[in-house]
Amino acid sequence: MDGDHVDAAAECGRQRREQVAVEERRVRQAQQARVLPGQPDRRRRDVHAEHPRLRDVRGDRQGDRADAGGHVQVDRLGPWAQPPNGLFGHELAGFARDEGAGADPQVQPGELDPPRDVGGRLAPGSAFEHPRESLQRTSRNELGDVVAVVPQHERQQLFGVPPLLAGVRMFDGLRRLQAEFGVAKNLANGRHAVHDTDPTLTQTLERTDRTVDFRDTPEEAELRTNLRRWLAANLPDGWAAPGHREPKGEERVAFFKEWSRKMYDAGYIGLNWPKAYGGHEAPVSFQAILLEEMGRAEAPEHIGVIGLGMAGPTILAHGTDEQKDRFLGNILTGEEVWCQGFSEPGAGSDLASLQTKAVADGDDAYLLSGQKVWSSFAHIADWCILLARTDSTGNKHEGITYFLMDMHAPGVDVRPLRQLTGDSEFNEIFMTDVRVPADRVLGPVGQGWSVAITTLMNERANLGFALTSRLDVSFRKLVALAKSMPHNGLVAADDPLVRGRLASLWSDVQALRFTNYRAFSAFLKTGMPGPEGSVAKLFWSETNQRLTKVAVDIEGAFALLGAGSDRAVEDGRWQYLQLRSRGNTIE
């Protein structure tokens, strides 16, 4: 029996030495092929078939073949063009890359030796670690910090490629790692591995061989350059600067009408509208660029925001020739201002429950009676796009008719609503037997719901780019605030908690920007705005609320001081914006 005894410790040591010898042989092979140690075989196969720590290491590289130059093809992806240098005018922070780096990553001398601790033992987590130790250690961690355990060579492959592909590769790497971890646990428990047959995002991207190009065309770049120059030359002195006071009352209306006419005369209004109605029939992307640049410069808005973004597109889609001739030109020039009469005290999110009634007055008119609420610009508006019920017998979405109502007609009463900020941007509209001619019905009688959908889709589509661009400006000002506000003997930007909140906001702004691009792409394909615009509006509202809250928190006790105080930060700008943002999610 003594002759059959096996020293377990000696046997374990022998196995370890054999394992190290095999791994060192792999390193020498990798050095000859100029491939990083542990780099996976890139030939097409199921990467989830077995855990890389458990597969036979004696010959998993013998199938690799080098080309004439001694390079192994480690990546199936073909050559990529230079990454875009702008997203509709926004700079891209590309991935860093060593200037001396070549097409193939070189194995550095220090990477050829197995990492060891101070006692000469193999370091945990190295490519030379025994599979059982690796599996046990991974099981304890449960992949809690999954990004940290992505192999170094896979992280290196993220550099020097387009940002979109880098994100896709990282996602696939994490997905594969999680799947392999599950396979390893199955093997350790004696169960068969489960094969994942779903294609990875990288494989899908390779098959389509398409990337998103956010760069301006030469025509778009020319428009952007000219628009920036025009805005720089024509913006009122001190506009949007801290302490600047916008005009009030009738003076305000006169200023914005004059500004709107100036923009129209310069050729920047109605870019994608038909020439027959005063437009320029330019590509839709020109309008997106206009909205972005207006937001970037914090320029005054056209006074016909609702006319340009909601009433005009709806009249173009559903109006008669007479209605188009009558209204569209004055919308572009800003001569006539429009408001919206949709929401009611009992019909907000459930708009189809509206109760405003329209009763036929002979064959040529309707009498409208009811109440509308939260109507922007109603106190200065000339016309109103309005929904009223002409038939109450059917489904609540039926029997609704879309009207173009004269705000100066007898029976119209407008009452401003005072807001938390002290402003009165919104209004109530009361109607008592307001006579509206039958030729002011937009679309078929009783089918106003479908016409209203056109209005709502265009509202969100036009808002997205302008709101996101202005939010980006606000974020940059927030960073400047954090760098200037005293905080615990330093400045707020030195606080890691503040920096974390800023980083989170920056990510949200970028996500919002790409959501708008996705909505824009869908619009180009279908010709109609989709629900993406509503998603972007909601996310903008929530992000703007968080951003202004961070600003007020950074100000600390100074946030108690508002406009007019000598010690107020930026003349109380952030306090005003924080109060105003409270209504973003319900408007």
Foldseek 3Di string as FASTA:
>chain_A
DVVPDDDPVVVVVVVLVVLLVLQLVQLVVCQQLQHQRPQADPDDDQLLQAFPLPDDSNCRCVPFDADPVSYTPSDPDDDDDDAAQDQLNHGDDAFDDDPPDDPGDGDDPVRSDFDDDPVRHGDPPTPSDHSVSVLVVCVVCVCPVVLVNQDPVLLVVLHPDHPVVSVQSSVQSSVSVNSNNVQVVCVVVVHGRDTDPDDGPNVVCRVVVDDDHRDDDPVSVVLLVVVLVVCVVPAPPPPPAQPDDQDDDPVNLVVLLVVLQVCLVVQLFQACPDVVLSYNNHDPVSLLSSLLSCLLSVGDDRQQLLVRQFVVQLCVVFNDPVVSNPPRNCSNSVVFHEKEFQADPVAAVNSLVDAWAWEDDPDWKTFTFDKGWFIFPLVPGQWYFHKHAHDDPDDSQWRIWTFIAGCPFPQWDWDFDQAPLRDGRIIMIGGDRGIGTPSRTGHDGGNVNVSVVQRVLSSLLSPQSNLLSNVVVLLVVLVVQQCPDDDPNHGNCVDVVLVVLSVVLVVLSVVLSVLSVVQVVVCVVPVGGDCSSVVSQQSSLVSQLSSLVSSLVRNPPLLVDAAPDPSRDSRRVSNSSNRVSVCSNRD
